[in-house]
Amino acid sequence: MKIRSAMESDSIGIARVSVESWQHTYRGIISNDYLDSLSWKERSENWNEVLKSPLYFCFVAENESKEIIGFASGGKTRENLRFPRNYDSELYAIYLLEPYQGKGLGSVLVLSLCEKLLENQFQSMIVCVLTQNPFRSFYEKIGGLKVADSDITIGKVSYPTIIYGWQDLKTLIERLKR
């Protein structure tokens, strides 16, 4: 497996991972109609734009065939969400295709992102996770502490979320390297 910075040309692969992961992970949690409406094409167009931003960081995991099988993205804490304001960066998303889950790639992707965030003067990080996300324990395993409850609207439905935080990226990086 190879972890590298995402390029604009990766937008289709990232979109595929995003859609397939959402459909697998959130089936039975988020409306099936919403999940079934997800489109690689639409997501790819969005990723094309996002990957152009100099303050949006994304890392991809590739398999031996150079197929994108996972990604992690992050940057400055988004203003439009109700996060605790004493965190300056956010893990926006991390997804892996089902066959590659549970093999340690998530930790390596988060490590790559955290190192880039620290390099760009960020000091702390949060992530917003659906309360019913079956992989929520991943964030606890890597030292995330619950700092708030919130909600997020997906489609037209509001879902409860938990916000995990890490006050010190350096400490998180050391933990991930172990």
N, C-alpha and C. Protein backbone atom coordinates (compact mmCIF):
# COMPACT_ATOMS: atom_id res chain seq x y z
N MET A 1 0.84 -1.18 0.00
CA MET A 1 0.00 0.00 0.00
C MET A 1 0.88 1.24 0.00
N LYS A 2 0.39 2.25 -0.66
CA LYS A 2 1.12 3.51 -0.74
C LYS A 2 0.21 4.65 -0.30
N ILE A 3 0.72 5.53 0.55
CA ILE A 3 0.00 6.73 0.97
C ILE A 3 0.71 7.92 0.32
N ARG A 4 -0.08 8.81 -0.29
CA ARG A 4 0.50 9.98 -0.94
C ARG A 4 -0.49 11.13 -0.91
N SER A 5 0.00 12.34 -1.17
CA SER A 5 -0.87 13.51 -1.29
C SER A 5 -1.77 13.33 -2.50
N ALA A 6 -3.02 13.73 -2.35
CA ALA A 6 -3.96 13.63 -3.46
C ALA A 6 -3.65 14.71 -4.49
N MET A 7 -3.97 14.37 -5.75
CA MET A 7 -3.83 15.31 -6.86
C MET A 7 -5.23 15.53 -7.45
N GLU A 8 -5.39 16.59 -8.22
CA GLU A 8 -6.68 16.86 -8.85
C GLU A 8 -7.16 15.66 -9.67
N SER A 9 -6.23 14.96 -10.29
CA SER A 9 -6.60 13.81 -11.12
C SER A 9 -7.15 12.63 -10.30
N ASP A 10 -7.07 12.72 -8.99
CA ASP A 10 -7.58 11.65 -8.12
C ASP A 10 -9.06 11.80 -7.80
N SER A 11 -9.69 12.84 -8.29
CA SER A 11 -11.06 13.15 -7.87
C SER A 11 -12.03 11.99 -8.12
N ILE A 12 -11.91 11.28 -9.22
CA ILE A 12 -12.83 10.17 -9.51
C ILE A 12 -12.60 9.04 -8.51
N GLY A 13 -11.35 8.70 -8.25
CA GLY A 13 -11.06 7.63 -7.30
C GLY A 13 -11.52 7.96 -5.89
N ILE A 14 -11.32 9.20 -5.48
CA ILE A 14 -11.76 9.63 -4.15
C ILE A 14 -13.28 9.59 -4.08
N ALA A 15 -13.94 10.07 -5.14
CA ALA A 15 -15.40 10.06 -5.18
C ALA A 15 -15.94 8.63 -5.10
N ARG A 16 -15.30 7.71 -5.80
CA ARG A 16 -15.73 6.30 -5.76
C ARG A 16 -15.64 5.74 -4.34
N VAL A 17 -14.51 5.99 -3.68
CA VAL A 17 -14.33 5.52 -2.30
C VAL A 17 -15.38 6.16 -1.40
N SER A 18 -15.60 7.45 -1.56
CA SER A 18 -16.57 8.16 -0.74
C SER A 18 -17.97 7.56 -0.88
N VAL A 19 -18.43 7.40 -2.11
CA VAL A 19 -19.77 6.89 -2.35
C VAL A 19 -19.90 5.45 -1.86
N GLU A 20 -18.96 4.59 -2.23
CA GLU A 20 -19.05 3.18 -1.81
C GLU A 20 -18.97 3.04 -0.29
N SER A 21 -18.13 3.84 0.34
CA SER A 21 -18.00 3.78 1.80
C SER A 21 -19.27 4.25 2.48
N TRP A 22 -19.83 5.37 2.00
CA TRP A 22 -21.09 5.85 2.57
C TRP A 22 -22.17 4.79 2.42
N GLN A 23 -22.28 4.19 1.25
CA GLN A 23 -23.34 3.21 1.01
C GLN A 23 -23.16 1.97 1.87
N HIS A 24 -21.93 1.60 2.13
CA HIS A 24 -21.68 0.43 2.99
C HIS A 24 -21.83 0.79 4.48
N THR A 25 -21.17 1.85 4.90
CA THR A 25 -21.11 2.19 6.32
C THR A 25 -22.44 2.67 6.88
N TYR A 26 -23.15 3.48 6.11
CA TYR A 26 -24.33 4.16 6.64
C TYR A 26 -25.67 3.53 6.25
N ARG A 27 -25.63 2.38 5.57
CA ARG A 27 -26.87 1.67 5.22
C ARG A 27 -27.57 1.29 6.52
N GLY A 28 -28.82 1.65 6.64
CA GLY A 28 -29.57 1.38 7.87
C GLY A 28 -29.47 2.50 8.89
N ILE A 29 -28.61 3.47 8.63
CA ILE A 29 -28.45 4.62 9.52
C ILE A 29 -29.01 5.87 8.83
N ILE A 30 -28.55 6.08 7.60
CA ILE A 30 -29.03 7.18 6.77
C ILE A 30 -30.03 6.61 5.78
N SER A 31 -30.98 7.41 5.38
CA SER A 31 -32.02 6.99 4.44
C SER A 31 -31.44 6.28 3.21
N ASN A 32 -32.02 5.12 2.88
CA ASN A 32 -31.59 4.38 1.69
C ASN A 32 -31.77 5.22 0.43
N ASP A 33 -32.83 6.00 0.38
CA ASP A 33 -33.06 6.86 -0.79
C ASP A 33 -31.90 7.83 -0.97
N TYR A 34 -31.45 8.41 0.12
CA TYR A 34 -30.32 9.34 0.04
C TYR A 34 -29.06 8.59 -0.41
N LEU A 35 -28.77 7.46 0.22
CA LEU A 35 -27.57 6.70 -0.12
C LEU A 35 -27.59 6.25 -1.57
N ASP A 36 -28.75 5.80 -2.04
CA ASP A 36 -28.86 5.33 -3.42
C ASP A 36 -28.74 6.46 -4.43
N SER A 37 -28.97 7.69 -3.99
CA SER A 37 -28.89 8.83 -4.90
C SER A 37 -27.46 9.36 -5.05
N LEU A 38 -26.54 8.88 -4.22
CA LEU A 38 -25.16 9.37 -4.30
C LEU A 38 -24.55 9.01 -5.65
N SER A 39 -23.82 9.96 -6.20
CA SER A 39 -23.26 9.80 -7.54
C SER A 39 -21.77 10.08 -7.54
N TRP A 40 -21.01 9.18 -8.14
CA TRP A 40 -19.58 9.39 -8.30
C TRP A 40 -19.33 10.66 -9.08
N LYS A 41 -20.14 10.87 -10.13
CA LYS A 41 -19.93 12.03 -11.01
C LYS A 41 -20.06 13.33 -10.22
N GLU A 42 -21.14 13.46 -9.46
CA GLU A 42 -21.33 14.68 -8.67
C GLU A 42 -20.22 14.84 -7.64
N ARG A 43 -19.91 13.77 -6.95
CA ARG A 43 -18.84 13.85 -5.94
C ARG A 43 -17.50 14.16 -6.58
N SER A 44 -17.26 13.61 -7.75
CA SER A 44 -16.00 13.86 -8.46
C SER A 44 -15.87 15.34 -8.82
N GLU A 45 -16.95 15.94 -9.28
CA GLU A 45 -16.92 17.36 -9.62
C GLU A 45 -16.62 18.20 -8.38
N ASN A 46 -17.22 17.82 -7.25
CA ASN A 46 -16.95 18.52 -5.99
C ASN A 46 -15.47 18.35 -5.60
N TRP A 47 -14.96 17.13 -5.68
CA TRP A 47 -13.56 16.89 -5.32
C TRP A 47 -12.61 17.64 -6.25
N ASN A 48 -12.97 17.76 -7.53
CA ASN A 48 -12.15 18.55 -8.46
C ASN A 48 -11.92 19.94 -7.92
N GLU A 49 -12.97 20.56 -7.41
CA GLU A 49 -12.88 21.92 -6.87
C GLU A 49 -12.13 21.94 -5.54
N VAL A 50 -12.46 21.02 -4.66
CA VAL A 50 -11.87 20.98 -3.33
C VAL A 50 -10.35 20.79 -3.40
N LEU A 51 -9.91 19.91 -4.28
CA LEU A 51 -8.48 19.60 -4.35
C LEU A 51 -7.64 20.76 -4.89
N LYS A 52 -8.27 21.78 -5.42
CA LYS A 52 -7.55 22.97 -5.91
C LYS A 52 -7.20 23.93 -4.77
N SER A 53 -7.85 23.78 -3.64
CA SER A 53 -7.65 24.71 -2.52
C SER A 53 -6.31 24.46 -1.84
N PRO A 54 -5.51 25.52 -1.63
CA PRO A 54 -4.21 25.33 -0.98
C PRO A 54 -4.31 25.02 0.51
N LEU A 55 -5.45 25.26 1.13
CA LEU A 55 -5.59 24.98 2.56
C LEU A 55 -6.48 23.77 2.84
N TYR A 56 -6.66 22.94 1.84
CA TYR A 56 -7.42 21.71 1.98
C TYR A 56 -6.44 20.58 1.70
N PHE A 57 -6.23 19.73 2.68
CA PHE A 57 -5.23 18.68 2.55
C PHE A 57 -5.92 17.33 2.42
N CYS A 58 -5.43 16.53 1.50
CA CYS A 58 -6.03 15.21 1.29
C CYS A 58 -4.92 14.22 0.95
N PHE A 59 -5.00 13.07 1.58
CA PHE A 59 -4.07 11.97 1.31
C PHE A 59 -4.86 10.76 0.86
N VAL A 60 -4.30 10.02 -0.10
CA VAL A 60 -4.96 8.83 -0.60
C VAL A 60 -4.10 7.60 -0.31
N ALA A 61 -4.78 6.48 -0.18
CA ALA A 61 -4.12 5.18 -0.08
C ALA A 61 -4.37 4.45 -1.38
N GLU A 62 -3.30 3.92 -1.95
CA GLU A 62 -3.40 3.15 -3.20
C GLU A 62 -3.01 1.70 -2.94
N ASN A 63 -3.66 0.79 -3.65
CA ASN A 63 -3.25 -0.61 -3.58
C ASN A 63 -2.14 -0.85 -4.60
N GLU A 64 -1.72 -2.09 -4.74
CA GLU A 64 -0.62 -2.43 -5.64
C GLU A 64 -0.93 -2.09 -7.09
N SER A 65 -2.22 -2.02 -7.45
CA SER A 65 -2.63 -1.69 -8.82
C SER A 65 -2.79 -0.18 -9.02
N LYS A 66 -2.37 0.60 -8.03
CA LYS A 66 -2.48 2.07 -8.05
C LYS A 66 -3.93 2.55 -8.08
N GLU A 67 -4.82 1.71 -7.56
CA GLU A 67 -6.22 2.08 -7.42
C GLU A 67 -6.40 2.75 -6.05
N ILE A 68 -7.11 3.87 -6.01
CA ILE A 68 -7.36 4.54 -4.74
C ILE A 68 -8.36 3.71 -3.95
N ILE A 69 -7.94 3.34 -2.73
CA ILE A 69 -8.78 2.47 -1.90
C ILE A 69 -9.17 3.16 -0.59
N GLY A 70 -8.68 4.39 -0.38
CA GLY A 70 -9.03 5.13 0.82
C GLY A 70 -8.47 6.53 0.75
N PHE A 71 -8.98 7.38 1.65
CA PHE A 71 -8.48 8.75 1.71
C PHE A 71 -8.80 9.36 3.06
N ALA A 72 -8.07 10.40 3.40
CA ALA A 72 -8.35 11.23 4.57
C ALA A 72 -8.14 12.67 4.14
N SER A 73 -9.04 13.54 4.58
CA SER A 73 -8.93 14.95 4.21
C SER A 73 -9.17 15.82 5.43
N GLY A 74 -8.60 17.01 5.39
CA GLY A 74 -8.77 17.93 6.50
C GLY A 74 -8.22 19.30 6.19
N GLY A 75 -8.37 20.18 7.16
CA GLY A 75 -7.91 21.54 7.02
C GLY A 75 -8.43 22.37 8.17
N LYS A 76 -8.57 23.66 7.91
CA LYS A 76 -9.06 24.58 8.92
C LYS A 76 -10.47 24.17 9.37
N THR A 77 -10.75 24.33 10.65
CA THR A 77 -12.08 24.01 11.18
C THR A 77 -13.14 24.80 10.42
N ARG A 78 -14.17 24.10 9.97
CA ARG A 78 -15.24 24.75 9.22
C ARG A 78 -16.06 25.66 10.14
N GLU A 79 -16.40 26.80 9.63
CA GLU A 79 -17.16 27.79 10.40
C GLU A 79 -18.64 27.47 10.48
N ASN A 80 -19.16 26.74 9.48
CA ASN A 80 -20.60 26.54 9.41
C ASN A 80 -21.11 25.44 10.34
N LEU A 81 -20.23 24.76 11.02
CA LEU A 81 -20.66 23.72 11.95
C LEU A 81 -20.43 24.18 13.38
N ARG A 82 -21.22 23.62 14.28
CA ARG A 82 -21.13 24.04 15.68
C ARG A 82 -20.08 23.23 16.43
N PHE A 83 -18.83 23.57 16.18
CA PHE A 83 -17.72 22.91 16.84
C PHE A 83 -17.20 23.78 17.96
N PRO A 84 -16.56 23.15 18.94
CA PRO A 84 -15.86 23.96 19.94
C PRO A 84 -14.79 24.80 19.21
N ARG A 85 -14.69 26.05 19.52
CA ARG A 85 -13.83 26.97 18.78
C ARG A 85 -12.37 26.95 19.23
N ASN A 86 -12.03 26.16 20.23
CA ASN A 86 -10.63 26.12 20.66
C ASN A 86 -9.83 25.04 19.92
N TYR A 87 -10.34 24.57 18.80
CA TYR A 87 -9.64 23.63 17.92
C TYR A 87 -9.46 24.32 16.58
N ASP A 88 -8.23 24.28 16.04
CA ASP A 88 -7.99 25.05 14.82
C ASP A 88 -8.03 24.25 13.53
N SER A 89 -8.06 22.91 13.60
CA SER A 89 -8.17 22.13 12.37
C SER A 89 -9.19 21.01 12.55
N GLU A 90 -9.54 20.44 11.43
CA GLU A 90 -10.59 19.42 11.43
C GLU A 90 -10.23 18.29 10.47
N LEU A 91 -10.48 17.07 10.90
CA LEU A 91 -10.45 15.91 10.02
C LEU A 91 -11.82 15.89 9.36
N TYR A 92 -11.87 16.27 8.08
CA TYR A 92 -13.16 16.37 7.39
C TYR A 92 -13.74 15.00 7.07
N ALA A 93 -12.88 14.10 6.60
CA ALA A 93 -13.37 12.79 6.17
C ALA A 93 -12.23 11.79 6.16
N ILE A 94 -12.59 10.55 6.46
CA ILE A 94 -11.67 9.43 6.28
C ILE A 94 -12.52 8.23 5.90
N TYR A 95 -12.19 7.64 4.77
CA TYR A 95 -12.94 6.47 4.29
C TYR A 95 -12.00 5.49 3.62
N LEU A 96 -12.31 4.21 3.83
CA LEU A 96 -11.59 3.11 3.17
C LEU A 96 -12.61 2.16 2.58
N LEU A 97 -12.29 1.59 1.43
CA LEU A 97 -13.16 0.56 0.88
C LEU A 97 -13.19 -0.62 1.84
N GLU A 98 -14.30 -1.30 1.91
CA GLU A 98 -14.51 -2.36 2.90
C GLU A 98 -13.39 -3.40 2.96
N PRO A 99 -12.88 -3.93 1.85
CA PRO A 99 -11.83 -4.96 1.96
C PRO A 99 -10.54 -4.48 2.61
N TYR A 100 -10.36 -3.18 2.72
CA TYR A 100 -9.11 -2.62 3.24
C TYR A 100 -9.25 -2.08 4.67
N GLN A 101 -10.43 -2.20 5.23
CA GLN A 101 -10.67 -1.71 6.59
C GLN A 101 -10.06 -2.67 7.61
N GLY A 102 -9.67 -2.12 8.75
CA GLY A 102 -9.13 -2.94 9.83
C GLY A 102 -7.70 -3.40 9.63
N LYS A 103 -6.98 -2.79 8.71
CA LYS A 103 -5.60 -3.19 8.42
C LYS A 103 -4.58 -2.12 8.82
N GLY A 104 -5.02 -1.08 9.53
CA GLY A 104 -4.12 -0.03 9.98
C GLY A 104 -3.96 1.13 9.02
N LEU A 105 -4.61 1.08 7.86
CA LEU A 105 -4.47 2.16 6.88
C LEU A 105 -5.10 3.46 7.37
N GLY A 106 -6.17 3.37 8.13
CA GLY A 106 -6.82 4.57 8.66
C GLY A 106 -5.85 5.37 9.52
N SER A 107 -5.12 4.68 10.37
CA SER A 107 -4.14 5.36 11.24
C SER A 107 -3.04 6.02 10.42
N VAL A 108 -2.58 5.35 9.37
CA VAL A 108 -1.52 5.91 8.53
C VAL A 108 -2.03 7.14 7.77
N LEU A 109 -3.27 7.08 7.30
CA LEU A 109 -3.85 8.24 6.61
C LEU A 109 -3.99 9.43 7.57
N VAL A 110 -4.48 9.17 8.78
CA VAL A 110 -4.62 10.25 9.76
C VAL A 110 -3.25 10.80 10.13
N LEU A 111 -2.26 9.95 10.28
CA LEU A 111 -0.90 10.40 10.58
C LEU A 111 -0.39 11.34 9.49
N SER A 112 -0.55 10.95 8.24
CA SER A 112 -0.10 11.80 7.12
C SER A 112 -0.79 13.15 7.16
N LEU A 113 -2.09 13.14 7.40
CA LEU A 113 -2.85 14.39 7.47
C LEU A 113 -2.37 15.25 8.65
N CYS A 114 -2.20 14.64 9.81
CA CYS A 114 -1.78 15.39 11.00
C CYS A 114 -0.41 16.01 10.81
N GLU A 115 0.50 15.29 10.19
CA GLU A 115 1.83 15.85 9.93
C GLU A 115 1.74 17.07 9.01
N LYS A 116 0.88 16.99 8.01
CA LYS A 116 0.70 18.13 7.09
C LYS A 116 0.05 19.31 7.81
N LEU A 117 -0.93 19.03 8.65
CA LEU A 117 -1.58 20.09 9.43
C LEU A 117 -0.56 20.79 10.33
N LEU A 118 0.24 20.00 11.03
CA LEU A 118 1.26 20.58 11.92
C LEU A 118 2.27 21.41 11.12
N GLU A 119 2.67 20.91 9.98
CA GLU A 119 3.59 21.63 9.10
C GLU A 119 3.00 22.99 8.68
N ASN A 120 1.69 23.08 8.64
CA ASN A 120 1.00 24.32 8.26
C ASN A 120 0.51 25.11 9.46
N GLN A 121 1.14 24.89 10.61
CA GLN A 121 0.94 25.68 11.82
C GLN A 121 -0.36 25.39 12.58
N PHE A 122 -1.06 24.31 12.26
CA PHE A 122 -2.22 23.92 13.06
C PHE A 122 -1.72 23.18 14.29
N GLN A 123 -2.45 23.31 15.39
CA GLN A 123 -2.02 22.74 16.66
C GLN A 123 -2.94 21.67 17.22
N SER A 124 -4.21 21.71 16.84
CA SER A 124 -5.21 20.80 17.41
C SER A 124 -6.17 20.37 16.31
N MET A 125 -7.01 19.37 16.61
CA MET A 125 -7.90 18.85 15.58
C MET A 125 -9.17 18.28 16.20
N ILE A 126 -10.25 18.39 15.45
CA ILE A 126 -11.52 17.76 15.82
C ILE A 126 -12.05 16.97 14.63
N VAL A 127 -13.01 16.12 14.92
CA VAL A 127 -13.74 15.39 13.88
C VAL A 127 -15.18 15.22 14.34
N CYS A 128 -16.09 15.35 13.42
CA CYS A 128 -17.52 15.19 13.69
C CYS A 128 -17.93 13.81 13.15
N VAL A 129 -18.50 12.97 14.02
CA VAL A 129 -18.80 11.59 13.66
C VAL A 129 -20.26 11.29 13.98
N LEU A 130 -20.96 10.67 13.05
CA LEU A 130 -22.33 10.25 13.35
C LEU A 130 -22.32 9.34 14.57
N THR A 131 -23.22 9.59 15.49
CA THR A 131 -23.29 8.80 16.72
C THR A 131 -23.45 7.31 16.41
N GLN A 132 -24.18 6.99 15.35
CA GLN A 132 -24.42 5.59 15.00
C GLN A 132 -23.37 5.00 14.07
N ASN A 133 -22.31 5.74 13.77
CA ASN A 133 -21.25 5.23 12.91
C ASN A 133 -20.63 4.00 13.57
N PRO A 134 -20.65 2.85 12.89
CA PRO A 134 -20.11 1.63 13.50
C PRO A 134 -18.60 1.67 13.70
N PHE A 135 -17.92 2.62 13.10
CA PHE A 135 -16.46 2.73 13.22
C PHE A 135 -16.04 3.86 14.15
N ARG A 136 -16.97 4.36 14.92
CA ARG A 136 -16.70 5.47 15.83
C ARG A 136 -15.57 5.16 16.81
N SER A 137 -15.43 3.94 17.20
CA SER A 137 -14.39 3.57 18.18
C SER A 137 -12.98 3.83 17.65
N PHE A 138 -12.81 3.93 16.33
CA PHE A 138 -11.50 4.24 15.75
C PHE A 138 -10.95 5.53 16.34
N TYR A 139 -11.79 6.54 16.46
CA TYR A 139 -11.36 7.85 16.95
C TYR A 139 -10.98 7.78 18.43
N GLU A 140 -11.70 6.96 19.18
CA GLU A 140 -11.37 6.76 20.59
C GLU A 140 -10.05 6.00 20.72
N LYS A 141 -9.86 5.02 19.86
CA LYS A 141 -8.64 4.21 19.88
C LYS A 141 -7.40 5.06 19.65
N ILE A 142 -7.52 6.10 18.81
CA ILE A 142 -6.35 6.94 18.54
C ILE A 142 -6.33 8.18 19.46
N GLY A 143 -7.07 8.10 20.55
CA GLY A 143 -6.97 9.12 21.60
C GLY A 143 -7.94 10.27 21.52
N GLY A 144 -8.91 10.20 20.63
CA GLY A 144 -9.90 11.27 20.55
C GLY A 144 -10.78 11.30 21.78
N LEU A 145 -10.96 12.48 22.33
CA LEU A 145 -11.84 12.66 23.49
C LEU A 145 -13.11 13.35 23.04
N LYS A 146 -14.23 12.88 23.56
CA LYS A 146 -15.50 13.52 23.23
C LYS A 146 -15.49 14.93 23.82
N VAL A 147 -15.69 15.93 22.93
CA VAL A 147 -15.68 17.31 23.39
C VAL A 147 -17.04 17.98 23.24
N ALA A 148 -17.94 17.36 22.47
CA ALA A 148 -19.27 17.96 22.30
C ALA A 148 -20.19 16.98 21.57
N ASP A 149 -21.47 17.25 21.70
CA ASP A 149 -22.49 16.59 20.89
C ASP A 149 -23.03 17.64 19.95
N SER A 150 -23.46 17.22 18.80
CA SER A 150 -24.03 18.15 17.84
C SER A 150 -25.00 17.38 16.96
N ASP A 151 -25.34 17.95 15.85
CA ASP A 151 -26.13 17.26 14.86
C ASP A 151 -25.74 17.79 13.50
N ILE A 152 -26.06 17.01 12.48
CA ILE A 152 -25.74 17.38 11.11
C ILE A 152 -26.92 17.00 10.24
N THR A 153 -27.21 17.81 9.27
CA THR A 153 -28.30 17.51 8.35
C THR A 153 -27.73 16.88 7.10
N ILE A 154 -28.26 15.71 6.78
CA ILE A 154 -27.88 14.98 5.57
C ILE A 154 -29.16 14.75 4.79
N GLY A 155 -29.20 15.24 3.58
CA GLY A 155 -30.46 15.24 2.86
C GLY A 155 -31.36 16.23 3.58
N LYS A 156 -32.49 15.75 4.05
CA LYS A 156 -33.40 16.62 4.80
C LYS A 156 -33.59 16.14 6.23
N VAL A 157 -32.69 15.25 6.67
CA VAL A 157 -32.82 14.64 7.98
C VAL A 157 -31.65 15.06 8.87
N SER A 158 -31.95 15.34 10.12
CA SER A 158 -30.92 15.69 11.09
C SER A 158 -30.48 14.44 11.84
N TYR A 159 -29.16 14.27 11.99
CA TYR A 159 -28.60 13.10 12.67
C TYR A 159 -27.72 13.56 13.83
N PRO A 160 -27.78 12.86 14.97
CA PRO A 160 -26.90 13.23 16.09
C PRO A 160 -25.45 12.85 15.79
N THR A 161 -24.55 13.69 16.27
CA THR A 161 -23.13 13.44 16.08
C THR A 161 -22.38 13.63 17.39
N ILE A 162 -21.19 13.08 17.41
CA ILE A 162 -20.24 13.28 18.51
C ILE A 162 -19.04 13.98 17.90
N ILE A 163 -18.52 14.95 18.61
CA ILE A 163 -17.31 15.63 18.16
C ILE A 163 -16.17 15.16 19.06
N TYR A 164 -15.16 14.56 18.43
CA TYR A 164 -13.95 14.14 19.14
C TYR A 164 -12.87 15.18 18.90
N GLY A 165 -12.01 15.36 19.88
CA GLY A 165 -10.95 16.34 19.74
C GLY A 165 -9.62 15.84 20.25
N TRP A 166 -8.58 16.42 19.69
CA TRP A 166 -7.20 16.22 20.12
C TRP A 166 -6.61 17.61 20.32
N GLN A 167 -6.27 17.95 21.54
CA GLN A 167 -5.75 19.29 21.85
C GLN A 167 -4.36 19.53 21.28
N ASP A 168 -3.60 18.45 21.08
CA ASP A 168 -2.21 18.61 20.66
C ASP A 168 -1.89 17.64 19.52
N LEU A 169 -1.69 18.18 18.32
CA LEU A 169 -1.38 17.33 17.17
C LEU A 169 -0.07 16.57 17.36
N LYS A 170 0.90 17.17 18.03
CA LYS A 170 2.17 16.49 18.25
C LYS A 170 1.97 15.21 19.05
N THR A 171 1.13 15.27 20.07
CA THR A 171 0.85 14.09 20.88
C THR A 171 0.12 13.03 20.05
N LEU A 172 -0.82 13.46 19.23
CA LEU A 172 -1.54 12.51 18.37
C LEU A 172 -0.58 11.86 17.38
N ILE A 173 0.30 12.63 16.80
CA ILE A 173 1.28 12.09 15.85
C ILE A 173 2.15 11.03 16.52
N GLU A 174 2.63 11.32 17.72
CA GLU A 174 3.44 10.33 18.43
C GLU A 174 2.65 9.06 18.71
N ARG A 175 1.41 9.21 19.08
CA ARG A 175 0.54 8.04 19.35
C ARG A 175 0.37 7.21 18.08
N LEU A 176 0.16 7.87 16.95
CA LEU A 176 -0.07 7.17 15.69
C LEU A 176 1.18 6.48 15.19
N LYS A 177 2.33 6.98 15.57
CA LYS A 177 3.60 6.37 15.12
C LYS A 177 3.93 5.09 15.89
N ARG A 178 3.29 4.90 17.03
CA ARG A 178 3.59 3.70 17.85
C ARG A 178 3.06 2.45 17.23
